Amino acid sequence: MKDILASLNALRRPRLLISAARFGAAEYRRSVHLPRQLGRAELPRSGEAIVELMELEAEVNRHRVNGAAGYSPARHVEILIALMGEARLLRATHQAAAIN
């Protein structure tokens, strides 16, 4: 878990993208948002979801950096929202396990 969260903490993205994602993360609903981002109905565990989302985000970020015509800022923000939401769930799960 620490490796996953450390990788997330190491992400450096434009402030506007992060601000928009933080705003949207408050409304994150795993059952609705995650299948749309991953393109499948079954929901993986948070750690697995984060790894997949990080791969998607890296690809979208490459499009942003390269100025690709197909780059979608909205899609980028949606992926970042899902990453933030899944990270929150992963932290909460591990904190609850540590208490018990």
N, C-alpha and C. Protein backbone atom coordinates (compact mmCIF):
# COMPACT_ATOMS: atom_id res chain seq x y z
N MET A 1 0.82 -1.19 0.00
CA MET A 1 0.00 0.00 0.00
C MET A 1 0.86 1.25 0.00
N LYS A 2 1.93 1.25 0.79
CA LYS A 2 2.77 2.45 0.89
C LYS A 2 3.40 2.79 -0.44
N ASP A 3 3.78 1.77 -1.23
CA ASP A 3 4.36 2.03 -2.54
C ASP A 3 3.35 2.71 -3.46
N ILE A 4 2.12 2.23 -3.41
CA ILE A 4 1.06 2.80 -4.25
C ILE A 4 0.82 4.25 -3.85
N LEU A 5 0.66 4.49 -2.56
CA LEU A 5 0.39 5.85 -2.09
C LEU A 5 1.60 6.76 -2.31
N ALA A 6 2.80 6.23 -2.19
CA ALA A 6 4.00 7.03 -2.46
C ALA A 6 4.04 7.43 -3.93
N SER A 7 3.66 6.52 -4.81
CA SER A 7 3.61 6.84 -6.24
C SER A 7 2.58 7.93 -6.52
N LEU A 8 1.45 7.84 -5.85
CA LEU A 8 0.42 8.88 -6.01
C LEU A 8 0.92 10.22 -5.52
N ASN A 9 1.57 10.22 -4.37
CA ASN A 9 2.08 11.47 -3.81
C ASN A 9 3.17 12.09 -4.69
N ALA A 10 3.83 11.26 -5.48
CA ALA A 10 4.90 11.75 -6.35
C ALA A 10 4.38 12.37 -7.64
N LEU A 11 3.09 12.17 -7.96
CA LEU A 11 2.53 12.75 -9.18
C LEU A 11 2.62 14.26 -9.14
N ARG A 12 3.07 14.86 -10.22
CA ARG A 12 3.13 16.31 -10.34
C ARG A 12 2.34 16.69 -11.59
N ARG A 13 1.23 17.34 -11.35
CA ARG A 13 0.36 17.76 -12.44
C ARG A 13 0.02 19.24 -12.26
N PRO A 14 -0.45 19.88 -13.34
CA PRO A 14 -0.81 21.30 -13.23
C PRO A 14 -1.83 21.55 -12.12
N ARG A 15 -1.66 22.66 -11.46
CA ARG A 15 -2.50 23.01 -10.32
C ARG A 15 -3.99 23.01 -10.67
N LEU A 16 -4.34 23.49 -11.85
CA LEU A 16 -5.75 23.54 -12.24
C LEU A 16 -6.35 22.14 -12.32
N LEU A 17 -5.63 21.19 -12.87
CA LEU A 17 -6.13 19.81 -12.94
C LEU A 17 -6.35 19.24 -11.54
N ILE A 18 -5.39 19.46 -10.66
CA ILE A 18 -5.48 18.93 -9.29
C ILE A 18 -6.62 19.60 -8.54
N SER A 19 -6.76 20.90 -8.69
CA SER A 19 -7.85 21.62 -8.00
C SER A 19 -9.21 21.12 -8.46
N ALA A 20 -9.36 20.94 -9.76
CA ALA A 20 -10.63 20.44 -10.29
C ALA A 20 -10.91 19.04 -9.78
N ALA A 21 -9.88 18.21 -9.73
CA ALA A 21 -10.07 16.84 -9.25
C ALA A 21 -10.41 16.82 -7.77
N ARG A 22 -9.78 17.65 -6.98
CA ARG A 22 -10.11 17.71 -5.54
C ARG A 22 -11.56 18.12 -5.34
N PHE A 23 -12.00 19.07 -6.13
CA PHE A 23 -13.39 19.52 -6.04
C PHE A 23 -14.34 18.36 -6.37
N GLY A 24 -14.03 17.62 -7.41
CA GLY A 24 -14.88 16.51 -7.83
C GLY A 24 -14.78 15.29 -6.94
N ALA A 25 -13.65 15.12 -6.26
CA ALA A 25 -13.45 13.94 -5.41
C ALA A 25 -14.45 13.87 -4.27
N ALA A 26 -14.96 15.01 -3.86
CA ALA A 26 -15.96 15.03 -2.78
C ALA A 26 -17.23 14.28 -3.19
N GLU A 27 -17.48 14.20 -4.47
CA GLU A 27 -18.69 13.54 -4.98
C GLU A 27 -18.40 12.15 -5.56
N TYR A 28 -17.19 11.65 -5.36
CA TYR A 28 -16.80 10.36 -5.94
C TYR A 28 -17.65 9.23 -5.38
N ARG A 29 -18.24 8.46 -6.29
CA ARG A 29 -18.99 7.25 -5.93
C ARG A 29 -18.39 6.10 -6.73
N ARG A 30 -17.75 5.23 -6.02
CA ARG A 30 -17.01 4.12 -6.62
C ARG A 30 -17.85 3.31 -7.59
N SER A 31 -19.06 2.97 -7.19
CA SER A 31 -19.91 2.10 -8.01
C SER A 31 -20.33 2.75 -9.32
N VAL A 32 -20.31 4.06 -9.37
CA VAL A 32 -20.69 4.79 -10.58
C VAL A 32 -19.47 5.18 -11.41
N HIS A 33 -18.49 5.76 -10.75
CA HIS A 33 -17.36 6.35 -11.47
C HIS A 33 -16.29 5.35 -11.90
N LEU A 34 -15.99 4.38 -11.06
CA LEU A 34 -14.89 3.47 -11.37
C LEU A 34 -15.15 2.61 -12.62
N PRO A 35 -16.32 2.00 -12.77
CA PRO A 35 -16.55 1.21 -13.99
C PRO A 35 -16.41 2.04 -15.26
N ARG A 36 -16.83 3.29 -15.19
CA ARG A 36 -16.72 4.16 -16.37
C ARG A 36 -15.26 4.43 -16.73
N GLN A 37 -14.42 4.60 -15.73
CA GLN A 37 -13.01 4.88 -16.01
C GLN A 37 -12.24 3.64 -16.46
N LEU A 38 -12.56 2.51 -15.84
CA LEU A 38 -11.83 1.28 -16.17
C LEU A 38 -12.41 0.54 -17.37
N GLY A 39 -13.63 0.89 -17.74
CA GLY A 39 -14.25 0.26 -18.91
C GLY A 39 -14.73 -1.15 -18.67
N ARG A 40 -15.05 -1.46 -17.43
CA ARG A 40 -15.61 -2.79 -17.11
C ARG A 40 -16.52 -2.68 -15.90
N ALA A 41 -17.40 -3.65 -15.76
CA ALA A 41 -18.43 -3.59 -14.72
C ALA A 41 -17.93 -4.04 -13.35
N GLU A 42 -17.08 -5.06 -13.31
CA GLU A 42 -16.65 -5.56 -12.00
C GLU A 42 -15.67 -4.58 -11.36
N LEU A 43 -15.79 -4.45 -10.06
CA LEU A 43 -14.96 -3.49 -9.33
C LEU A 43 -13.78 -4.20 -8.68
N PRO A 44 -12.57 -3.83 -9.06
CA PRO A 44 -11.40 -4.42 -8.42
C PRO A 44 -11.19 -3.84 -7.03
N ARG A 45 -10.30 -4.42 -6.27
CA ARG A 45 -9.94 -3.86 -4.97
C ARG A 45 -9.27 -2.51 -5.20
N SER A 46 -9.28 -1.68 -4.17
CA SER A 46 -8.76 -0.31 -4.32
C SER A 46 -7.32 -0.27 -4.81
N GLY A 47 -6.46 -1.11 -4.27
CA GLY A 47 -5.06 -1.11 -4.69
C GLY A 47 -4.91 -1.41 -6.17
N GLU A 48 -5.62 -2.43 -6.62
CA GLU A 48 -5.58 -2.80 -8.04
C GLU A 48 -6.16 -1.69 -8.90
N ALA A 49 -7.25 -1.09 -8.44
CA ALA A 49 -7.88 0.01 -9.18
C ALA A 49 -6.92 1.18 -9.31
N ILE A 50 -6.20 1.49 -8.24
CA ILE A 50 -5.26 2.61 -8.28
C ILE A 50 -4.17 2.35 -9.31
N VAL A 51 -3.65 1.14 -9.35
CA VAL A 51 -2.60 0.81 -10.32
C VAL A 51 -3.13 1.00 -11.74
N GLU A 52 -4.32 0.51 -12.02
CA GLU A 52 -4.91 0.66 -13.36
C GLU A 52 -5.17 2.12 -13.68
N LEU A 53 -5.69 2.86 -12.71
CA LEU A 53 -5.96 4.28 -12.92
C LEU A 53 -4.67 5.06 -13.15
N MET A 54 -3.61 4.69 -12.45
CA MET A 54 -2.33 5.38 -12.65
C MET A 54 -1.79 5.14 -14.06
N GLU A 55 -2.00 3.94 -14.58
CA GLU A 55 -1.58 3.66 -15.95
C GLU A 55 -2.38 4.49 -16.94
N LEU A 56 -3.70 4.56 -16.72
CA LEU A 56 -4.55 5.38 -17.58
C LEU A 56 -4.15 6.85 -17.50
N GLU A 57 -3.91 7.32 -16.28
CA GLU A 57 -3.56 8.72 -16.09
C GLU A 57 -2.24 9.05 -16.75
N ALA A 58 -1.27 8.16 -16.67
CA ALA A 58 0.03 8.39 -17.30
C ALA A 58 -0.12 8.51 -18.82
N GLU A 59 -0.98 7.68 -19.39
CA GLU A 59 -1.22 7.75 -20.83
C GLU A 59 -1.89 9.06 -21.21
N VAL A 60 -2.91 9.45 -20.46
CA VAL A 60 -3.61 10.70 -20.73
C VAL A 60 -2.66 11.88 -20.53
N ASN A 61 -1.81 11.81 -19.53
CA ASN A 61 -0.86 12.89 -19.30
C ASN A 61 0.15 13.01 -20.44
N ARG A 62 0.55 11.87 -21.01
CA ARG A 62 1.44 11.92 -22.18
C ARG A 62 0.77 12.67 -23.32
N HIS A 63 -0.52 12.42 -23.51
CA HIS A 63 -1.27 13.13 -24.54
C HIS A 63 -1.28 14.64 -24.25
N ARG A 64 -1.46 14.99 -22.98
CA ARG A 64 -1.47 16.41 -22.59
C ARG A 64 -0.12 17.05 -22.90
N VAL A 65 0.95 16.42 -22.45
CA VAL A 65 2.29 16.97 -22.62
C VAL A 65 2.67 17.08 -24.10
N ASN A 66 2.26 16.10 -24.90
CA ASN A 66 2.60 16.10 -26.32
C ASN A 66 1.65 16.94 -27.17
N GLY A 67 0.62 17.50 -26.54
CA GLY A 67 -0.33 18.34 -27.28
C GLY A 67 -1.17 17.55 -28.26
N ALA A 68 -1.47 16.31 -27.93
CA ALA A 68 -2.26 15.44 -28.82
C ALA A 68 -3.65 16.01 -29.03
N ALA A 69 -4.13 15.89 -30.25
CA ALA A 69 -5.45 16.42 -30.59
C ALA A 69 -6.56 15.72 -29.82
N GLY A 70 -6.36 14.47 -29.47
CA GLY A 70 -7.38 13.71 -28.76
C GLY A 70 -7.39 13.90 -27.26
N TYR A 71 -6.50 14.75 -26.74
CA TYR A 71 -6.44 14.96 -25.29
C TYR A 71 -7.73 15.60 -24.80
N SER A 72 -8.27 15.04 -23.71
CA SER A 72 -9.48 15.56 -23.09
C SER A 72 -9.20 15.95 -21.65
N PRO A 73 -9.18 17.26 -21.35
CA PRO A 73 -8.99 17.68 -19.96
C PRO A 73 -10.06 17.11 -19.03
N ALA A 74 -11.28 17.01 -19.52
CA ALA A 74 -12.37 16.46 -18.69
C ALA A 74 -12.08 15.01 -18.32
N ARG A 75 -11.63 14.23 -19.27
CA ARG A 75 -11.27 12.83 -19.00
C ARG A 75 -10.11 12.75 -18.01
N HIS A 76 -9.14 13.63 -18.17
CA HIS A 76 -8.00 13.66 -17.27
C HIS A 76 -8.47 13.93 -15.84
N VAL A 77 -9.34 14.91 -15.68
CA VAL A 77 -9.87 15.24 -14.35
C VAL A 77 -10.67 14.07 -13.79
N GLU A 78 -11.47 13.42 -14.61
CA GLU A 78 -12.25 12.27 -14.14
C GLU A 78 -11.35 11.15 -13.62
N ILE A 79 -10.25 10.90 -14.30
CA ILE A 79 -9.32 9.87 -13.85
C ILE A 79 -8.66 10.30 -12.54
N LEU A 80 -8.28 11.56 -12.44
CA LEU A 80 -7.68 12.05 -11.20
C LEU A 80 -8.67 11.99 -10.04
N ILE A 81 -9.93 12.28 -10.30
CA ILE A 81 -10.97 12.16 -9.27
C ILE A 81 -11.04 10.72 -8.77
N ALA A 82 -11.07 9.78 -9.70
CA ALA A 82 -11.13 8.36 -9.32
C ALA A 82 -9.88 7.96 -8.53
N LEU A 83 -8.72 8.45 -8.94
CA LEU A 83 -7.49 8.15 -8.20
C LEU A 83 -7.57 8.67 -6.77
N MET A 84 -8.03 9.89 -6.62
CA MET A 84 -8.15 10.47 -5.28
C MET A 84 -9.16 9.71 -4.43
N GLY A 85 -10.28 9.35 -5.04
CA GLY A 85 -11.31 8.60 -4.32
C GLY A 85 -10.83 7.23 -3.89
N GLU A 86 -10.14 6.54 -4.78
CA GLU A 86 -9.62 5.21 -4.45
C GLU A 86 -8.52 5.29 -3.39
N ALA A 87 -7.70 6.30 -3.47
CA ALA A 87 -6.65 6.48 -2.45
C ALA A 87 -7.28 6.72 -1.08
N ARG A 88 -8.33 7.50 -1.05
CA ARG A 88 -9.04 7.75 0.21
C ARG A 88 -9.60 6.45 0.77
N LEU A 89 -10.21 5.63 -0.09
CA LEU A 89 -10.76 4.35 0.35
C LEU A 89 -9.66 3.40 0.84
N LEU A 90 -8.55 3.37 0.14
CA LEU A 90 -7.44 2.49 0.53
C LEU A 90 -6.89 2.90 1.89
N ARG A 91 -6.70 4.19 2.09
CA ARG A 91 -6.21 4.67 3.39
C ARG A 91 -7.19 4.32 4.51
N ALA A 92 -8.47 4.52 4.26
CA ALA A 92 -9.49 4.23 5.28
C ALA A 92 -9.52 2.75 5.61
N THR A 93 -9.40 1.90 4.61
CA THR A 93 -9.40 0.45 4.82
C THR A 93 -8.22 0.03 5.68
N HIS A 94 -7.06 0.57 5.38
CA HIS A 94 -5.86 0.20 6.14
C HIS A 94 -5.87 0.78 7.54
N GLN A 95 -6.45 1.95 7.72
CA GLN A 95 -6.56 2.51 9.06
C GLN A 95 -7.52 1.68 9.90
N ALA A 96 -8.63 1.25 9.30
CA ALA A 96 -9.59 0.42 10.02
C ALA A 96 -8.96 -0.92 10.40
N ALA A 97 -8.18 -1.49 9.50
CA ALA A 97 -7.53 -2.77 9.78
C ALA A 97 -6.49 -2.62 10.89
N ALA A 98 -5.83 -1.49 10.94
CA ALA A 98 -4.81 -1.25 11.97
C ALA A 98 -5.44 -1.09 13.35
N ILE A 99 -6.65 -0.56 13.39
CA ILE A 99 -7.36 -0.37 14.66
C ILE A 99 -7.82 -1.71 15.22
N ASN A 100 -8.25 -2.60 14.33
CA ASN A 100 -8.77 -3.91 14.76
C ASN A 100 -7.65 -4.82 14.99
